Amino acid sequence: MQKVKEDLFYGENKCHQRFEADENFRAASLQADESIRRLEADLKGEDLEAVRALEDAHAQMNASTAIECYVEGFFNAARLFIAMLYEEPKE
């Protein structure tokens, strides 16, 4: 538990590391990267710009969703902790 507290204090809690180690996630990420490289090699002009804009929008949506889920997780944990503190003991 002390290690968890220290990691939180020093900002060493990196959730993305769990996903990067997952083989399915890595395979999907590599497939997406390869697909984007092929599209970028085949497309020119406005079509290439559209693919890059789509990629940027998708990355922004993922980042926003991840941040919101992370923050919501903290709020839910705080609510649970407070509820447990004030719960009447059952005999």
PDB file of N, CA and C in Angstrom:
ATOM      1  N   MET A   1       0.817  -1.183   0.000  1.00  0.00           N
ATOM      2  CA  MET A   1       0.000   0.000   0.000  1.00  0.00           C
ATOM      3  C   MET A   1       0.866   1.255   0.000  1.00  0.00           C
ATOM      4  N   GLN A   2       1.974   1.216   0.698  1.00  0.00           N
ATOM      5  CA  GLN A   2       2.879   2.363   0.733  1.00  0.00           C
ATOM      6  C   GLN A   2       3.385   2.692  -0.667  1.00  0.00           C
ATOM      7  N   LYS A   3       3.696   1.662  -1.442  1.00  0.00           N
ATOM      8  CA  LYS A   3       4.181   1.859  -2.811  1.00  0.00           C
ATOM      9  C   LYS A   3       3.113   2.563  -3.654  1.00  0.00           C
ATOM     10  N   VAL A   4       1.859   2.175  -3.504  1.00  0.00           N
ATOM     11  CA  VAL A   4       0.765   2.802  -4.244  1.00  0.00           C
ATOM     12  C   VAL A   4       0.661   4.274  -3.875  1.00  0.00           C
ATOM     13  N   LYS A   5       0.745   4.579  -2.593  1.00  0.00           N
ATOM     14  CA  LYS A   5       0.681   5.979  -2.137  1.00  0.00           C
ATOM     15  C   LYS A   5       1.839   6.787  -2.717  1.00  0.00           C
ATOM     16  N   GLU A   6       3.039   6.210  -2.697  1.00  0.00           N
ATOM     17  CA  GLU A   6       4.201   6.907  -3.231  1.00  0.00           C
ATOM     18  C   GLU A   6       4.066   7.118  -4.744  1.00  0.00           C
ATOM     19  N   ASP A   7       3.572   6.110  -5.449  1.00  0.00           N
ATOM     20  CA  ASP A   7       3.369   6.242  -6.892  1.00  0.00           C
ATOM     21  C   ASP A   7       2.374   7.347  -7.202  1.00  0.00           C
ATOM     22  N   LEU A   8       1.294   7.435  -6.431  1.00  0.00           N
ATOM     23  CA  LEU A   8       0.308   8.503  -6.624  1.00  0.00           C
ATOM     24  C   LEU A   8       0.937   9.864  -6.350  1.00  0.00           C
ATOM     25  N   PHE A   9       1.691   9.957  -5.272  1.00  0.00           N
ATOM     26  CA  PHE A   9       2.310  11.226  -4.896  1.00  0.00           C
ATOM     27  C   PHE A   9       3.286  11.709  -5.962  1.00  0.00           C
ATOM     28  N   TYR A  10       4.101  10.798  -6.482  1.00  0.00           N
ATOM     29  CA  TYR A  10       5.122  11.175  -7.458  1.00  0.00           C
ATOM     30  C   TYR A  10       4.641  11.116  -8.912  1.00  0.00           C
ATOM     31  N   GLY A  11       3.359  10.820  -9.105  1.00  0.00           N
ATOM     32  CA  GLY A  11       2.806  10.790 -10.461  1.00  0.00           C
ATOM     33  C   GLY A  11       3.282   9.614 -11.279  1.00  0.00           C
ATOM     34  N   GLU A  12       3.586   8.520 -10.619  1.00  0.00           N
ATOM     35  CA  GLU A  12       4.100   7.342 -11.319  1.00  0.00           C
ATOM     36  C   GLU A  12       3.000   6.370 -11.711  1.00  0.00           C
ATOM     37  N   ASN A  13       1.758   6.740 -11.510  1.00  0.00           N
ATOM     38  CA  ASN A  13       0.638   5.884 -11.849  1.00  0.00           C
ATOM     39  C   ASN A  13       0.310   6.066 -13.323  1.00  0.00           C
ATOM     40  N   LYS A  14       0.799   5.193 -14.159  1.00  0.00           N
ATOM     41  CA  LYS A  14       0.634   5.324 -15.603  1.00  0.00           C
ATOM     42  C   LYS A  14      -0.243   4.184 -16.115  1.00  0.00           C
ATOM     43  N   CYS A  15      -1.524   4.494 -16.268  1.00  0.00           N
ATOM     44  CA  CYS A  15      -2.494   3.478 -16.677  1.00  0.00           C
ATOM     45  C   CYS A  15      -2.196   2.901 -18.054  1.00  0.00           C
ATOM     46  N   HIS A  16      -1.637   3.731 -18.949  1.00  0.00           N
ATOM     47  CA  HIS A  16      -1.399   3.276 -20.319  1.00  0.00           C
ATOM     48  C   HIS A  16      -0.426   2.103 -20.380  1.00  0.00           C
ATOM     49  N   GLN A  17       0.419   1.931 -19.357  1.00  0.00           N
ATOM     50  CA  GLN A  17       1.385   0.841 -19.377  1.00  0.00           C
ATOM     51  C   GLN A  17       0.711  -0.524 -19.359  1.00  0.00           C
ATOM     52  N   ARG A  18      -0.447  -0.601 -18.710  1.00  0.00           N
ATOM     53  CA  ARG A  18      -1.186  -1.875 -18.704  1.00  0.00           C
ATOM     54  C   ARG A  18      -1.607  -2.244 -20.111  1.00  0.00           C
ATOM     55  N   PHE A  19      -2.072  -1.252 -20.885  1.00  0.00           N
ATOM     56  CA  PHE A  19      -2.544  -1.537 -22.229  1.00  0.00           C
ATOM     57  C   PHE A  19      -1.393  -1.840 -23.172  1.00  0.00           C
ATOM     58  N   GLU A  20      -0.294  -1.124 -23.033  1.00  0.00           N
ATOM     59  CA  GLU A  20       0.843  -1.332 -23.914  1.00  0.00           C
ATOM     60  C   GLU A  20       1.419  -2.736 -23.765  1.00  0.00           C
ATOM     61  N   ALA A  21       1.275  -3.330 -22.602  1.00  0.00           N
ATOM     62  CA  ALA A  21       1.793  -4.676 -22.367  1.00  0.00           C
ATOM     63  C   ALA A  21       0.847  -5.755 -22.901  1.00  0.00           C
ATOM     64  N   ASP A  22      -0.409  -5.404 -23.144  1.00  0.00           N
ATOM     65  CA  ASP A  22      -1.406  -6.368 -23.609  1.00  0.00           C
ATOM     66  C   ASP A  22      -1.172  -6.700 -25.084  1.00  0.00           C
ATOM     67  N   GLU A  23      -1.077  -7.984 -25.399  1.00  0.00           N
ATOM     68  CA  GLU A  23      -0.777  -8.420 -26.773  1.00  0.00           C
ATOM     69  C   GLU A  23      -1.877  -8.019 -27.751  1.00  0.00           C
ATOM     70  N   ASN A  24      -3.148  -8.131 -27.360  1.00  0.00           N
ATOM     71  CA  ASN A  24      -4.244  -7.760 -28.250  1.00  0.00           C
ATOM     72  C   ASN A  24      -4.218  -6.266 -28.566  1.00  0.00           C
ATOM     73  N   PHE A  25      -3.936  -5.461 -27.554  1.00  0.00           N
ATOM     74  CA  PHE A  25      -3.852  -4.017 -27.759  1.00  0.00           C
ATOM     75  C   PHE A  25      -2.702  -3.676 -28.695  1.00  0.00           C
ATOM     76  N   ARG A  26      -1.545  -4.299 -28.452  1.00  0.00           N
ATOM     77  CA  ARG A  26      -0.384  -4.031 -29.302  1.00  0.00           C
ATOM     78  C   ARG A  26      -0.654  -4.433 -30.750  1.00  0.00           C
ATOM     79  N   ALA A  27      -1.293  -5.581 -30.947  1.00  0.00           N
ATOM     80  CA  ALA A  27      -1.592  -6.041 -32.306  1.00  0.00           C
ATOM     81  C   ALA A  27      -2.538  -5.067 -33.008  1.00  0.00           C
ATOM     82  N   ALA A  28      -3.567  -4.611 -32.320  1.00  0.00           N
ATOM     83  CA  ALA A  28      -4.514  -3.657 -32.904  1.00  0.00           C
ATOM     84  C   ALA A  28      -3.826  -2.338 -33.205  1.00  0.00           C
ATOM     85  N   SER A  29      -2.958  -1.893 -32.300  1.00  0.00           N
ATOM     86  CA  SER A  29      -2.234  -0.641 -32.510  1.00  0.00           C
ATOM     87  C   SER A  29      -1.314  -0.729 -33.721  1.00  0.00           C
ATOM     88  N   LEU A  30      -0.599  -1.838 -33.860  1.00  0.00           N
ATOM     89  CA  LEU A  30       0.287  -2.028 -35.014  1.00  0.00           C
ATOM     90  C   LEU A  30      -0.507  -2.100 -36.315  1.00  0.00           C
ATOM     91  N   GLN A  31      -1.671  -2.759 -36.272  1.00  0.00           N
ATOM     92  CA  GLN A  31      -2.516  -2.851 -37.456  1.00  0.00           C
ATOM     93  C   GLN A  31      -3.024  -1.464 -37.862  1.00  0.00           C
ATOM     94  N   ALA A  32      -3.445  -0.671 -36.887  1.00  0.00           N
ATOM     95  CA  ALA A  32      -3.914   0.692 -37.180  1.00  0.00           C
ATOM     96  C   ALA A  32      -2.779   1.529 -37.769  1.00  0.00           C
ATOM     97  N   ASP A  33      -1.595   1.440 -37.182  1.00  0.00           N
ATOM     98  CA  ASP A  33      -0.449   2.200 -37.698  1.00  0.00           C
ATOM     99  C   ASP A  33      -0.123   1.814 -39.138  1.00  0.00           C
ATOM    100  N   GLU A  34      -0.142   0.517 -39.412  1.00  0.00           N
ATOM    101  CA  GLU A  34       0.162   0.043 -40.764  1.00  0.00           C
ATOM    102  C   GLU A  34      -0.905   0.500 -41.754  1.00  0.00           C
ATOM    103  N   SER A  35      -2.162   0.461 -41.369  1.00  0.00           N
ATOM    104  CA  SER A  35      -3.248   0.915 -42.244  1.00  0.00           C
ATOM    105  C   SER A  35      -3.111   2.399 -42.563  1.00  0.00           C
ATOM    106  N   ILE A  36      -2.758   3.191 -41.580  1.00  0.00           N
ATOM    107  CA  ILE A  36      -2.573   4.626 -41.796  1.00  0.00           C
ATOM    108  C   ILE A  36      -1.394   4.878 -42.729  1.00  0.00           C
ATOM    109  N   ARG A  37      -0.301   4.144 -42.527  1.00  0.00           N
ATOM    110  CA  ARG A  37       0.867   4.303 -43.410  1.00  0.00           C
ATOM    111  C   ARG A  37       0.509   3.978 -44.862  1.00  0.00           C
ATOM    112  N   ARG A  38      -0.264   2.901 -45.071  1.00  0.00           N
ATOM    113  CA  ARG A  38      -0.667   2.531 -46.437  1.00  0.00           C
ATOM    114  C   ARG A  38      -1.551   3.603 -47.054  1.00  0.00           C
ATOM    115  N   LEU A  39      -2.515   4.110 -46.276  1.00  0.00           N
ATOM    116  CA  LEU A  39      -3.392   5.165 -46.787  1.00  0.00           C
ATOM    117  C   LEU A  39      -2.596   6.418 -47.138  1.00  0.00           C
ATOM    118  N   GLU A  40      -1.685   6.803 -46.257  1.00  0.00           N
ATOM    119  CA  GLU A  40      -0.888   8.005 -46.509  1.00  0.00           C
ATOM    120  C   GLU A  40      -0.005   7.843 -47.745  1.00  0.00           C
ATOM    121  N   ALA A  41       0.460   6.626 -47.988  1.00  0.00           N
ATOM    122  CA  ALA A  41       1.292   6.384 -49.166  1.00  0.00           C
ATOM    123  C   ALA A  41       0.467   6.434 -50.454  1.00  0.00           C
ATOM    124  N   ASP A  42      -0.793   6.017 -50.380  1.00  0.00           N
ATOM    125  CA  ASP A  42      -1.650   5.953 -51.564  1.00  0.00           C
ATOM    126  C   ASP A  42      -2.397   7.243 -51.868  1.00  0.00           C
ATOM    127  N   LEU A  43      -2.602   8.090 -50.865  1.00  0.00           N
ATOM    128  CA  LEU A  43      -3.439   9.269 -51.052  1.00  0.00           C
ATOM    129  C   LEU A  43      -2.612  10.531 -51.258  1.00  0.00           C
ATOM    130  N   LYS A  44      -3.211  11.480 -51.907  1.00  0.00           N
ATOM    131  CA  LYS A  44      -2.570  12.775 -52.154  1.00  0.00           C
ATOM    132  C   LYS A  44      -3.571  13.886 -51.880  1.00  0.00           C
ATOM    133  N   GLY A  45      -3.069  15.085 -51.681  1.00  0.00           N
ATOM    134  CA  GLY A  45      -3.896  16.288 -51.595  1.00  0.00           C
ATOM    135  C   GLY A  45      -4.967  16.260 -50.525  1.00  0.00           C
ATOM    136  N   GLU A  46      -6.190  16.584 -50.955  1.00  0.00           N
ATOM    137  CA  GLU A  46      -7.305  16.704 -50.022  1.00  0.00           C
ATOM    138  C   GLU A  46      -7.650  15.373 -49.363  1.00  0.00           C
ATOM    139  N   ASP A  47      -7.496  14.274 -50.106  1.00  0.00           N
ATOM    140  CA  ASP A  47      -7.788  12.966 -49.524  1.00  0.00           C
ATOM    141  C   ASP A  47      -6.836  12.650 -48.371  1.00  0.00           C
ATOM    142  N   LEU A  48      -5.563  12.960 -48.555  1.00  0.00           N
ATOM    143  CA  LEU A  48      -4.580  12.749 -47.499  1.00  0.00           C
ATOM    144  C   LEU A  48      -4.874  13.645 -46.298  1.00  0.00           C
ATOM    145  N   GLU A  49      -5.229  14.890 -46.569  1.00  0.00           N
ATOM    146  CA  GLU A  49      -5.591  15.808 -45.484  1.00  0.00           C
ATOM    147  C   GLU A  49      -6.804  15.298 -44.715  1.00  0.00           C
ATOM    148  N   ALA A  50      -7.769  14.721 -45.413  1.00  0.00           N
ATOM    149  CA  ALA A  50      -8.976  14.191 -44.764  1.00  0.00           C
ATOM    150  C   ALA A  50      -8.632  13.021 -43.840  1.00  0.00           C
ATOM    151  N   VAL A  51      -7.739  12.140 -44.297  1.00  0.00           N
ATOM    152  CA  VAL A  51      -7.330  11.008 -43.461  1.00  0.00           C
ATOM    153  C   VAL A  51      -6.594  11.504 -42.214  1.00  0.00           C
ATOM    154  N   ARG A  52      -5.719  12.474 -42.384  1.00  0.00           N
ATOM    155  CA  ARG A  52      -4.983  13.011 -41.236  1.00  0.00           C
ATOM    156  C   ARG A  52      -5.924  13.729 -40.267  1.00  0.00           C
ATOM    157  N   ALA A  53      -6.914  14.460 -40.797  1.00  0.00           N
ATOM    158  CA  ALA A  53      -7.895  15.133 -39.942  1.00  0.00           C
ATOM    159  C   ALA A  53      -8.725  14.102 -39.173  1.00  0.00           C
ATOM    160  N   LEU A  54      -9.090  13.012 -39.836  1.00  0.00           N
ATOM    161  CA  LEU A  54      -9.839  11.938 -39.180  1.00  0.00           C
ATOM    162  C   LEU A  54      -9.009  11.304 -38.068  1.00  0.00           C
ATOM    163  N   GLU A  55      -7.739  11.068 -38.353  1.00  0.00           N
ATOM    164  CA  GLU A  55      -6.841  10.490 -37.352  1.00  0.00           C
ATOM    165  C   GLU A  55      -6.689  11.421 -36.144  1.00  0.00           C
ATOM    166  N   ASP A  56      -6.519  12.707 -36.402  1.00  0.00           N
ATOM    167  CA  ASP A  56      -6.392  13.680 -35.312  1.00  0.00           C
ATOM    168  C   ASP A  56      -7.668  13.759 -34.480  1.00  0.00           C
ATOM    169  N   ALA A  57      -8.823  13.778 -35.149  1.00  0.00           N
ATOM    170  CA  ALA A  57     -10.102  13.845 -34.435  1.00  0.00           C
ATOM    171  C   ALA A  57     -10.305  12.600 -33.582  1.00  0.00           C
ATOM    172  N   HIS A  58      -9.947  11.446 -34.119  1.00  0.00           N
ATOM    173  CA  HIS A  58     -10.092  10.193 -33.371  1.00  0.00           C
ATOM    174  C   HIS A  58      -9.181  10.197 -32.145  1.00  0.00           C
ATOM    175  N   ALA A  59      -7.959  10.656 -32.301  1.00  0.00           N
ATOM    176  CA  ALA A  59      -7.030  10.717 -31.164  1.00  0.00           C
ATOM    177  C   ALA A  59      -7.542  11.682 -30.097  1.00  0.00           C
ATOM    178  N   GLN A  60      -8.095  12.807 -30.529  1.00  0.00           N
ATOM    179  CA  GLN A  60      -8.631  13.777 -29.571  1.00  0.00           C
ATOM    180  C   GLN A  60      -9.834  13.210 -28.823  1.00  0.00           C
ATOM    181  N   MET A  61     -10.704  12.480 -29.543  1.00  0.00           N
ATOM    182  CA  MET A  61     -11.859  11.850 -28.888  1.00  0.00           C
ATOM    183  C   MET A  61     -11.402  10.816 -27.863  1.00  0.00           C
ATOM    184  N   ASN A  62     -10.414  10.011 -28.230  1.00  0.00           N
ATOM    185  CA  ASN A  62      -9.907   8.994 -27.304  1.00  0.00           C
ATOM    186  C   ASN A  62      -9.298   9.634 -26.062  1.00  0.00           C
ATOM    187  N   ALA A  63      -8.530  10.696 -26.255  1.00  0.00           N
ATOM    188  CA  ALA A  63      -7.904  11.375 -25.120  1.00  0.00           C
ATOM    189  C   ALA A  63      -8.965  11.973 -24.205  1.00  0.00           C
ATOM    190  N   SER A  64      -9.963  12.616 -24.773  1.00  0.00           N
ATOM    191  CA  SER A  64     -11.032  13.220 -23.961  1.00  0.00           C
ATOM    192  C   SER A  64     -11.792  12.161 -23.180  1.00  0.00           C
ATOM    193  N   THR A  65     -12.099  11.063 -23.832  1.00  0.00           N
ATOM    194  CA  THR A  65     -12.818   9.976 -23.170  1.00  0.00           C
ATOM    195  C   THR A  65     -11.987   9.390 -22.038  1.00  0.00           C
ATOM    196  N   ALA A  66     -10.707   9.180 -22.293  1.00  0.00           N
ATOM    197  CA  ALA A  66      -9.836   8.605 -21.263  1.00  0.00           C
ATOM    198  C   ALA A  66      -9.742   9.516 -20.053  1.00  0.00           C
ATOM    199  N   ILE A  67      -9.596  10.799 -20.286  1.00  0.00           N
ATOM    200  CA  ILE A  67      -9.488  11.752 -19.173  1.00  0.00           C
ATOM    201  C   ILE A  67     -10.776  11.763 -18.371  1.00  0.00           C
ATOM    202  N   GLU A  68     -11.917  11.805 -19.046  1.00  0.00           N
ATOM    203  CA  GLU A  68     -13.204  11.837 -18.346  1.00  0.00           C
ATOM    204  C   GLU A  68     -13.422  10.564 -17.533  1.00  0.00           C
ATOM    205  N   CYS A  69     -13.075   9.420 -18.092  1.00  0.00           N
ATOM    206  CA  CYS A  69     -13.236   8.154 -17.358  1.00  0.00           C
ATOM    207  C   CYS A  69     -12.321   8.113 -16.140  1.00  0.00           C
ATOM    208  N   TYR A  70     -11.108   8.614 -16.289  1.00  0.00           N
ATOM    209  CA  TYR A  70     -10.156   8.631 -15.184  1.00  0.00           C
ATOM    210  C   TYR A  70     -10.668   9.513 -14.046  1.00  0.00           C
ATOM    211  N   VAL A  71     -11.145  10.715 -14.402  1.00  0.00           N
ATOM    212  CA  VAL A  71     -11.676  11.638 -13.395  1.00  0.00           C
ATOM    213  C   VAL A  71     -12.919  11.046 -12.740  1.00  0.00           C
ATOM    214  N   GLU A  72     -13.804  10.480 -13.546  1.00  0.00           N
ATOM    215  CA  GLU A  72     -15.023   9.876 -12.990  1.00  0.00           C
ATOM    216  C   GLU A  72     -14.676   8.733 -12.034  1.00  0.00           C
ATOM    217  N   GLY A  73     -13.633   7.991 -12.348  1.00  0.00           N
ATOM    218  CA  GLY A  73     -13.202   6.909 -11.464  1.00  0.00           C
ATOM    219  C   GLY A  73     -12.788   7.432 -10.096  1.00  0.00           C
ATOM    220  N   PHE A  74     -12.094   8.562 -10.063  1.00  0.00           N
ATOM    221  CA  PHE A  74     -11.718   9.159  -8.783  1.00  0.00           C
ATOM    222  C   PHE A  74     -12.946   9.589  -7.996  1.00  0.00           C
ATOM    223  N   PHE A  75     -13.914  10.218  -8.675  1.00  0.00           N
ATOM    224  CA  PHE A  75     -15.136  10.642  -7.989  1.00  0.00           C
ATOM    225  C   PHE A  75     -15.906   9.443  -7.443  1.00  0.00           C
ATOM    226  N   ASN A  76     -16.011   8.397  -8.238  1.00  0.00           N
ATOM    227  CA  ASN A  76     -16.729   7.204  -7.777  1.00  0.00           C
ATOM    228  C   ASN A  76     -16.027   6.557  -6.584  1.00  0.00           C
ATOM    229  N   ALA A  77     -14.711   6.511  -6.629  1.00  0.00           N
ATOM    230  CA  ALA A  77     -13.964   5.942  -5.506  1.00  0.00           C
ATOM    231  C   ALA A  77     -14.148   6.792  -4.250  1.00  0.00           C
ATOM    232  N   ALA A  78     -14.141   8.110  -4.400  1.00  0.00           N
ATOM    233  CA  ALA A  78     -14.346   9.003  -3.251  1.00  0.00           C
ATOM    234  C   ALA A  78     -15.741   8.809  -2.669  1.00  0.00           C
ATOM    235  N   ARG A  79     -16.745   8.715  -3.527  1.00  0.00           N
ATOM    236  CA  ARG A  79     -18.119   8.496  -3.045  1.00  0.00           C
ATOM    237  C   ARG A  79     -18.225   7.177  -2.287  1.00  0.00           C
ATOM    238  N   LEU A  80     -17.616   6.152  -2.831  1.00  0.00           N
ATOM    239  CA  LEU A  80     -17.647   4.845  -2.179  1.00  0.00           C
ATOM    240  C   LEU A  80     -16.961   4.906  -0.824  1.00  0.00           C
ATOM    241  N   PHE A  81     -15.822   5.551  -0.765  1.00  0.00           N
ATOM    242  CA  PHE A  81     -15.068   5.664   0.480  1.00  0.00           C
ATOM    243  C   PHE A  81     -15.877   6.423   1.531  1.00  0.00           C
ATOM    244  N   ILE A  82     -16.489   7.531   1.130  1.00  0.00           N
ATOM    245  CA  ILE A  82     -17.307   8.325   2.061  1.00  0.00           C
ATOM    246  C   ILE A  82     -18.504   7.514   2.532  1.00  0.00           C
ATOM    247  N   ALA A  83     -19.147   6.796   1.621  1.00  0.00           N
ATOM    248  CA  ALA A  83     -20.294   5.970   2.002  1.00  0.00           C
ATOM    249  C   ALA A  83     -19.882   4.897   3.002  1.00  0.00           C
ATOM    250  N   MET A  84     -18.710   4.322   2.796  1.00  0.00           N
ATOM    251  CA  MET A  84     -18.232   3.288   3.725  1.00  0.00           C
ATOM    252  C   MET A  84     -17.919   3.887   5.091  1.00  0.00           C
ATOM    253  N   LEU A  85     -17.392   5.104   5.124  1.00  0.00           N
ATOM    254  CA  LEU A  85     -17.070   5.747   6.400  1.00  0.00           C
ATOM    255  C   LEU A  85     -18.312   6.035   7.231  1.00  0.00           C
ATOM    256  N   TYR A  86     -19.393   6.410   6.555  1.00  0.00           N
ATOM    257  CA  TYR A  86     -20.588   6.828   7.284  1.00  0.00           C
ATOM    258  C   TYR A  86     -21.660   5.739   7.354  1.00  0.00           C
ATOM    259  N   GLU A  87     -21.343   4.568   6.898  1.00  0.00           N
ATOM    260  CA  GLU A  87     -22.312   3.461   6.936  1.00  0.00           C
ATOM    261  C   GLU A  87     -22.492   2.995   8.371  1.00  0.00           C
ATOM    262  N   GLU A  88     -23.734   2.762   8.705  1.00  0.00           N
ATOM    263  CA  GLU A  88     -24.042   2.236  10.041  1.00  0.00           C
ATOM    264  C   GLU A  88     -23.499   0.819  10.166  1.00  0.00           C
ATOM    265  N   PRO A  89     -22.798   0.542  11.252  1.00  0.00           N
ATOM    266  CA  PRO A  89     -22.296  -0.833  11.447  1.00  0.00           C
ATOM    267  C   PRO A  89     -23.459  -1.805  11.667  1.00  0.00           C
ATOM    268  N   LYS A  90     -23.393  -2.951  11.025  1.00  0.00           N
ATOM    269  CA  LYS A  90     -24.433  -3.976  11.197  1.00  0.00           C
ATOM    270  C   LYS A  90     -23.983  -4.953  12.268  1.00  0.00           C
ATOM    271  N   GLU A  91     -24.905  -5.268  13.127  1.00  0.00           N
ATOM    272  CA  GLU A  91     -24.562  -6.184  14.240  1.00  0.00           C
ATOM    273  C   GLU A  91     -25.059  -7.563  13.993  1.00  0.00           C
TER     274      GLU A  91
END
